[in-house]
Amino acid sequence: MVKFSERLKEMRLEKNLTQAQLAKETGLSQNGIANWENEKRLPNINALITLAKFFGVTVGQLAGTEEY
């Protein structure tokens, strides 16, 4: 199972986005994205849903519990 932090960074880089660009596109904070990618914090359910919609995947795929 892939960690959420790794999956988020992988998806972000596939779209050639910086953390700042992803934050701007999703309305989430850059600091939050950095903390999630560095495993300092976990996102709340609303942030997970926002990210999943942005990347066109399920929450499970983003969280690493489902095949991507």
PDB file of N, CA and C in Angstrom:
ATOM      1  N   MET A   1       0.843  -1.176   0.000  1.00  0.00           N
ATOM      2  CA  MET A   1       0.000   0.000   0.000  1.00  0.00           C
ATOM      3  C   MET A   1       0.892   1.244   0.000  1.00  0.00           C
ATOM      4  N   VAL A   2       0.601   2.156  -0.889  1.00  0.00           N
ATOM      5  CA  VAL A   2       1.348   3.409  -1.009  1.00  0.00           C
ATOM      6  C   VAL A   2       0.827   4.398   0.031  1.00  0.00           C
ATOM      7  N   LYS A   3       1.726   5.148   0.622  1.00  0.00           N
ATOM      8  CA  LYS A   3       1.332   6.165   1.595  1.00  0.00           C
ATOM      9  C   LYS A   3       0.653   7.334   0.891  1.00  0.00           C
ATOM     10  N   PHE A   4      -0.266   7.968   1.616  1.00  0.00           N
ATOM     11  CA  PHE A   4      -0.941   9.150   1.089  1.00  0.00           C
ATOM     12  C   PHE A   4       0.066  10.207   0.655  1.00  0.00           C
ATOM     13  N   SER A   5       1.080  10.444   1.482  1.00  0.00           N
ATOM     14  CA  SER A   5       2.063  11.489   1.184  1.00  0.00           C
ATOM     15  C   SER A   5       2.759  11.235  -0.156  1.00  0.00           C
ATOM     16  N   GLU A   6       3.102   9.986  -0.406  1.00  0.00           N
ATOM     17  CA  GLU A   6       3.772   9.624  -1.660  1.00  0.00           C
ATOM     18  C   GLU A   6       2.822   9.762  -2.845  1.00  0.00           C
ATOM     19  N   ARG A   7       1.586   9.319  -2.657  1.00  0.00           N
ATOM     20  CA  ARG A   7       0.605   9.387  -3.749  1.00  0.00           C
ATOM     21  C   ARG A   7       0.299  10.828  -4.107  1.00  0.00           C
ATOM     22  N   LEU A   8       0.126  11.685  -3.109  1.00  0.00           N
ATOM     23  CA  LEU A   8      -0.161  13.093  -3.373  1.00  0.00           C
ATOM     24  C   LEU A   8       0.976  13.725  -4.170  1.00  0.00           C
ATOM     25  N   LYS A   9       2.195  13.503  -3.748  1.00  0.00           N
ATOM     26  CA  LYS A   9       3.339  14.084  -4.458  1.00  0.00           C
ATOM     27  C   LYS A   9       3.429  13.526  -5.877  1.00  0.00           C
ATOM     28  N   GLU A  10       3.208  12.219  -6.032  1.00  0.00           N
ATOM     29  CA  GLU A  10       3.247  11.595  -7.356  1.00  0.00           C
ATOM     30  C   GLU A  10       2.213  12.225  -8.286  1.00  0.00           C
ATOM     31  N   MET A  11       0.990  12.379  -7.808  1.00  0.00           N
ATOM     32  CA  MET A  11      -0.068  12.960  -8.641  1.00  0.00           C
ATOM     33  C   MET A  11       0.217  14.416  -8.967  1.00  0.00           C
ATOM     34  N   ARG A  12       0.736  15.141  -7.992  1.00  0.00           N
ATOM     35  CA  ARG A  12       1.070  16.552  -8.222  1.00  0.00           C
ATOM     36  C   ARG A  12       2.150  16.682  -9.288  1.00  0.00           C
ATOM     37  N   LEU A  13       3.184  15.858  -9.196  1.00  0.00           N
ATOM     38  CA  LEU A  13       4.282  15.926 -10.159  1.00  0.00           C
ATOM     39  C   LEU A  13       3.861  15.451 -11.546  1.00  0.00           C
ATOM     40  N   GLU A  14       2.930  14.501 -11.614  1.00  0.00           N
ATOM     41  CA  GLU A  14       2.414  14.060 -12.919  1.00  0.00           C
ATOM     42  C   GLU A  14       1.763  15.210 -13.679  1.00  0.00           C
ATOM     43  N   LYS A  15       1.192  16.150 -12.938  1.00  0.00           N
ATOM     44  CA  LYS A  15       0.571  17.321 -13.556  1.00  0.00           C
ATOM     45  C   LYS A  15       1.554  18.495 -13.648  1.00  0.00           C
ATOM     46  N   ASN A  16       2.823  18.240 -13.297  1.00  0.00           N
ATOM     47  CA  ASN A  16       3.866  19.268 -13.341  1.00  0.00           C
ATOM     48  C   ASN A  16       3.489  20.511 -12.547  1.00  0.00           C
ATOM     49  N   LEU A  17       2.977  20.291 -11.346  1.00  0.00           N
ATOM     50  CA  LEU A  17       2.573  21.392 -10.490  1.00  0.00           C
ATOM     51  C   LEU A  17       3.506  21.508  -9.294  1.00  0.00           C
ATOM     52  N   THR A  18       3.762  22.734  -8.881  1.00  0.00           N
ATOM     53  CA  THR A  18       4.437  22.963  -7.614  1.00  0.00           C
ATOM     54  C   THR A  18       3.383  22.872  -6.515  1.00  0.00           C
ATOM     55  N   GLN A  19       3.824  22.841  -5.276  1.00  0.00           N
ATOM     56  CA  GLN A  19       2.870  22.861  -4.174  1.00  0.00           C
ATOM     57  C   GLN A  19       2.046  24.146  -4.213  1.00  0.00           C
ATOM     58  N   ALA A  20       2.674  25.247  -4.533  1.00  0.00           N
ATOM     59  CA  ALA A  20       1.975  26.534  -4.605  1.00  0.00           C
ATOM     60  C   ALA A  20       0.914  26.522  -5.701  1.00  0.00           C
ATOM     61  N   GLN A  21       1.248  25.947  -6.842  1.00  0.00           N
ATOM     62  CA  GLN A  21       0.282  25.884  -7.946  1.00  0.00           C
ATOM     63  C   GLN A  21      -0.903  24.992  -7.580  1.00  0.00           C
ATOM     64  N   LEU A  22      -0.619  23.851  -6.937  1.00  0.00           N
ATOM     65  CA  LEU A  22      -1.706  22.964  -6.522  1.00  0.00           C
ATOM     66  C   LEU A  22      -2.603  23.672  -5.515  1.00  0.00           C
ATOM     67  N   ALA A  23      -1.998  24.394  -4.600  1.00  0.00           N
ATOM     68  CA  ALA A  23      -2.779  25.133  -3.608  1.00  0.00           C
ATOM     69  C   ALA A  23      -3.699  26.140  -4.290  1.00  0.00           C
ATOM     70  N   LYS A  24      -3.167  26.864  -5.248  1.00  0.00           N
ATOM     71  CA  LYS A  24      -3.964  27.875  -5.961  1.00  0.00           C
ATOM     72  C   LYS A  24      -5.101  27.220  -6.741  1.00  0.00           C
ATOM     73  N   GLU A  25      -4.826  26.108  -7.392  1.00  0.00           N
ATOM     74  CA  GLU A  25      -5.837  25.416  -8.196  1.00  0.00           C
ATOM     75  C   GLU A  25      -6.965  24.820  -7.355  1.00  0.00           C
ATOM     76  N   THR A  26      -6.645  24.400  -6.145  1.00  0.00           N
ATOM     77  CA  THR A  26      -7.625  23.700  -5.311  1.00  0.00           C
ATOM     78  C   THR A  26      -8.224  24.561  -4.209  1.00  0.00           C
ATOM     79  N   GLY A  27      -7.614  25.709  -3.931  1.00  0.00           N
ATOM     80  CA  GLY A  27      -8.083  26.541  -2.834  1.00  0.00           C
ATOM     81  C   GLY A  27      -7.605  26.057  -1.473  1.00  0.00           C
ATOM     82  N   LEU A  28      -6.679  25.102  -1.477  1.00  0.00           N
ATOM     83  CA  LEU A  28      -6.092  24.609  -0.235  1.00  0.00           C
ATOM     84  C   LEU A  28      -4.823  25.393   0.054  1.00  0.00           C
ATOM     85  N   SER A  29      -4.287  25.261   1.254  1.00  0.00           N
ATOM     86  CA  SER A  29      -3.089  26.028   1.594  1.00  0.00           C
ATOM     87  C   SER A  29      -1.812  25.299   1.166  1.00  0.00           C
ATOM     88  N   GLN A  30      -0.844  26.074   0.725  1.00  0.00           N
ATOM     89  CA  GLN A  30       0.451  25.500   0.347  1.00  0.00           C
ATOM     90  C   GLN A  30       1.102  24.848   1.570  1.00  0.00           C
ATOM     91  N   ASN A  31       0.970  25.472   2.709  1.00  0.00           N
ATOM     92  CA  ASN A  31       1.534  24.932   3.932  1.00  0.00           C
ATOM     93  C   ASN A  31       0.909  23.566   4.254  1.00  0.00           C
ATOM     94  N   GLY A  32      -0.380  23.466   4.063  1.00  0.00           N
ATOM     95  CA  GLY A  32      -1.059  22.189   4.288  1.00  0.00           C
ATOM     96  C   GLY A  32      -0.540  21.115   3.362  1.00  0.00           C
ATOM     97  N   ILE A  33      -0.403  21.433   2.088  1.00  0.00           N
ATOM     98  CA  ILE A  33       0.098  20.472   1.105  1.00  0.00           C
ATOM     99  C   ILE A  33       1.507  20.035   1.470  1.00  0.00           C
ATOM    100  N   ALA A  34       2.349  20.975   1.856  1.00  0.00           N
ATOM    101  CA  ALA A  34       3.720  20.636   2.267  1.00  0.00           C
ATOM    102  C   ALA A  34       3.703  19.719   3.489  1.00  0.00           C
ATOM    103  N   ASN A  35       2.859  20.032   4.452  1.00  0.00           N
ATOM    104  CA  ASN A  35       2.764  19.186   5.652  1.00  0.00           C
ATOM    105  C   ASN A  35       2.275  17.780   5.317  1.00  0.00           C
ATOM    106  N   TRP A  36       1.341  17.658   4.394  1.00  0.00           N
ATOM    107  CA  TRP A  36       0.832  16.336   4.002  1.00  0.00           C
ATOM    108  C   TRP A  36       1.916  15.542   3.287  1.00  0.00           C
ATOM    109  N   GLU A  37       2.628  16.189   2.367  1.00  0.00           N
ATOM    110  CA  GLU A  37       3.672  15.489   1.619  1.00  0.00           C
ATOM    111  C   GLU A  37       4.849  15.104   2.518  1.00  0.00           C
ATOM    112  N   ASN A  38       5.087  15.862   3.572  1.00  0.00           N
ATOM    113  CA  ASN A  38       6.184  15.580   4.498  1.00  0.00           C
ATOM    114  C   ASN A  38       5.742  14.752   5.702  1.00  0.00           C
ATOM    115  N   GLU A  39       4.529  14.249   5.647  1.00  0.00           N
ATOM    116  CA  GLU A  39       3.962  13.391   6.693  1.00  0.00           C
ATOM    117  C   GLU A  39       3.914  14.047   8.067  1.00  0.00           C
ATOM    118  N   LYS A  40       3.767  15.357   8.086  1.00  0.00           N
ATOM    119  CA  LYS A  40       3.648  16.072   9.368  1.00  0.00           C
ATOM    120  C   LYS A  40       2.199  16.128   9.833  1.00  0.00           C
ATOM    121  N   ARG A  41       1.285  16.074   8.887  1.00  0.00           N
ATOM    122  CA  ARG A  41      -0.156  16.118   9.183  1.00  0.00           C
ATOM    123  C   ARG A  41      -0.904  15.309   8.134  1.00  0.00           C
ATOM    124  N   LEU A  42      -2.162  15.036   8.452  1.00  0.00           N
ATOM    125  CA  LEU A  42      -3.056  14.392   7.496  1.00  0.00           C
ATOM    126  C   LEU A  42      -4.185  15.361   7.162  1.00  0.00           C
ATOM    127  N   PRO A  43      -4.680  15.330   5.940  1.00  0.00           N
ATOM    128  CA  PRO A  43      -5.759  16.244   5.565  1.00  0.00           C
ATOM    129  C   PRO A  43      -7.084  15.807   6.175  1.00  0.00           C
ATOM    130  N   ASN A  44      -7.994  16.755   6.311  1.00  0.00           N
ATOM    131  CA  ASN A  44      -9.342  16.400   6.740  1.00  0.00           C
ATOM    132  C   ASN A  44     -10.107  15.848   5.537  1.00  0.00           C
ATOM    133  N   ILE A  45     -11.275  15.330   5.779  1.00  0.00           N
ATOM    134  CA  ILE A  45     -12.050  14.676   4.713  1.00  0.00           C
ATOM    135  C   ILE A  45     -12.402  15.644   3.592  1.00  0.00           C
ATOM    136  N   ASN A  46     -12.680  16.899   3.920  1.00  0.00           N
ATOM    137  CA  ASN A  46     -13.014  17.877   2.877  1.00  0.00           C
ATOM    138  C   ASN A  46     -11.834  18.127   1.946  1.00  0.00           C
ATOM    139  N   ALA A  47     -10.635  18.193   2.506  1.00  0.00           N
ATOM    140  CA  ALA A  47      -9.443  18.385   1.679  1.00  0.00           C
ATOM    141  C   ALA A  47      -9.198  17.153   0.815  1.00  0.00           C
ATOM    142  N   LEU A  48      -9.402  15.959   1.378  1.00  0.00           N
ATOM    143  CA  LEU A  48      -9.243  14.728   0.591  1.00  0.00           C
ATOM    144  C   LEU A  48     -10.192  14.712  -0.596  1.00  0.00           C
ATOM    145  N   ILE A  49     -11.435  15.090  -0.360  1.00  0.00           N
ATOM    146  CA  ILE A  49     -12.429  15.110  -1.439  1.00  0.00           C
ATOM    147  C   ILE A  49     -12.039  16.138  -2.495  1.00  0.00           C
ATOM    148  N   THR A  50     -11.604  17.301  -2.067  1.00  0.00           N
ATOM    149  CA  THR A  50     -11.171  18.351  -3.006  1.00  0.00           C
ATOM    150  C   THR A  50     -10.026  17.856  -3.880  1.00  0.00           C
ATOM    151  N   LEU A  51      -9.035  17.239  -3.263  1.00  0.00           N
ATOM    152  CA  LEU A  51      -7.882  16.729  -4.012  1.00  0.00           C
ATOM    153  C   LEU A  51      -8.286  15.604  -4.955  1.00  0.00           C
ATOM    154  N   ALA A  52      -9.122  14.691  -4.484  1.00  0.00           N
ATOM    155  CA  ALA A  52      -9.564  13.575  -5.327  1.00  0.00           C
ATOM    156  C   ALA A  52     -10.304  14.091  -6.558  1.00  0.00           C
ATOM    157  N   LYS A  53     -11.187  15.049  -6.362  1.00  0.00           N
ATOM    158  CA  LYS A  53     -11.909  15.631  -7.505  1.00  0.00           C
ATOM    159  C   LYS A  53     -10.948  16.308  -8.471  1.00  0.00           C
ATOM    160  N   PHE A  54      -9.994  17.056  -7.929  1.00  0.00           N
ATOM    161  CA  PHE A  54      -9.028  17.758  -8.777  1.00  0.00           C
ATOM    162  C   PHE A  54      -8.234  16.775  -9.632  1.00  0.00           C
ATOM    163  N   PHE A  55      -7.779  15.675  -9.036  1.00  0.00           N
ATOM    164  CA  PHE A  55      -6.963  14.703  -9.756  1.00  0.00           C
ATOM    165  C   PHE A  55      -7.798  13.682 -10.536  1.00  0.00           C
ATOM    166  N   GLY A  56      -9.119  13.694 -10.350  1.00  0.00           N
ATOM    167  CA  GLY A  56      -9.986  12.768 -11.077  1.00  0.00           C
ATOM    168  C   GLY A  56      -9.843  11.327 -10.611  1.00  0.00           C
ATOM    169  N   VAL A  57      -9.658  11.144  -9.310  1.00  0.00           N
ATOM    170  CA  VAL A  57      -9.501   9.811  -8.730  1.00  0.00           C
ATOM    171  C   VAL A  57     -10.446   9.674  -7.544  1.00  0.00           C
ATOM    172  N   THR A  58     -10.543   8.465  -7.011  1.00  0.00           N
ATOM    173  CA  THR A  58     -11.334   8.264  -5.806  1.00  0.00           C
ATOM    174  C   THR A  58     -10.500   8.652  -4.583  1.00  0.00           C
ATOM    175  N   VAL A  59     -11.177   8.861  -3.477  1.00  0.00           N
ATOM    176  CA  VAL A  59     -10.473   9.150  -2.230  1.00  0.00           C
ATOM    177  C   VAL A  59      -9.578   7.967  -1.867  1.00  0.00           C
ATOM    178  N   GLY A  60     -10.059   6.753  -2.110  1.00  0.00           N
ATOM    179  CA  GLY A  60      -9.268   5.560  -1.836  1.00  0.00           C
ATOM    180  C   GLY A  60      -7.993   5.503  -2.663  1.00  0.00           C
ATOM    181  N   GLN A  61      -8.087   5.877  -3.924  1.00  0.00           N
ATOM    182  CA  GLN A  61      -6.894   5.905  -4.771  1.00  0.00           C
ATOM    183  C   GLN A  61      -5.910   6.950  -4.268  1.00  0.00           C
ATOM    184  N   LEU A  62      -6.422   8.099  -3.893  1.00  0.00           N
ATOM    185  CA  LEU A  62      -5.560   9.159  -3.370  1.00  0.00           C
ATOM    186  C   LEU A  62      -4.938   8.758  -2.041  1.00  0.00           C
ATOM    187  N   ALA A  63      -5.707   8.093  -1.207  1.00  0.00           N
ATOM    188  CA  ALA A  63      -5.218   7.687   0.116  1.00  0.00           C
ATOM    189  C   ALA A  63      -4.260   6.502   0.037  1.00  0.00           C
ATOM    190  N   GLY A  64      -4.244   5.832  -1.092  1.00  0.00           N
ATOM    191  CA  GLY A  64      -3.332   4.698  -1.254  1.00  0.00           C
ATOM    192  C   GLY A  64      -3.935   3.366  -0.863  1.00  0.00           C
ATOM    193  N   THR A  65      -5.245   3.331  -0.612  1.00  0.00           N
ATOM    194  CA  THR A  65      -5.897   2.084  -0.242  1.00  0.00           C
ATOM    195  C   THR A  65      -6.482   1.350  -1.435  1.00  0.00           C
ATOM    196  N   GLU A  66      -6.541   2.011  -2.580  1.00  0.00           N
ATOM    197  CA  GLU A  66      -7.025   1.415  -3.825  1.00  0.00           C
ATOM    198  C   GLU A  66      -5.961   1.579  -4.898  1.00  0.00           C
ATOM    199  N   GLU A  67      -5.994   0.699  -5.870  1.00  0.00           N
ATOM    200  CA  GLU A  67      -5.051   0.751  -6.998  1.00  0.00           C
ATOM    201  C   GLU A  67      -5.234   2.048  -7.768  1.00  0.00           C
ATOM    202  N   TYR A  68      -4.116   2.671  -8.146  1.00  0.00           N
ATOM    203  CA  TYR A  68      -4.148   3.908  -8.921  1.00  0.00           C
ATOM    204  C   TYR A  68      -3.768   3.635 -10.340  1.00  0.00           C
TER     205      TYR A  68
END
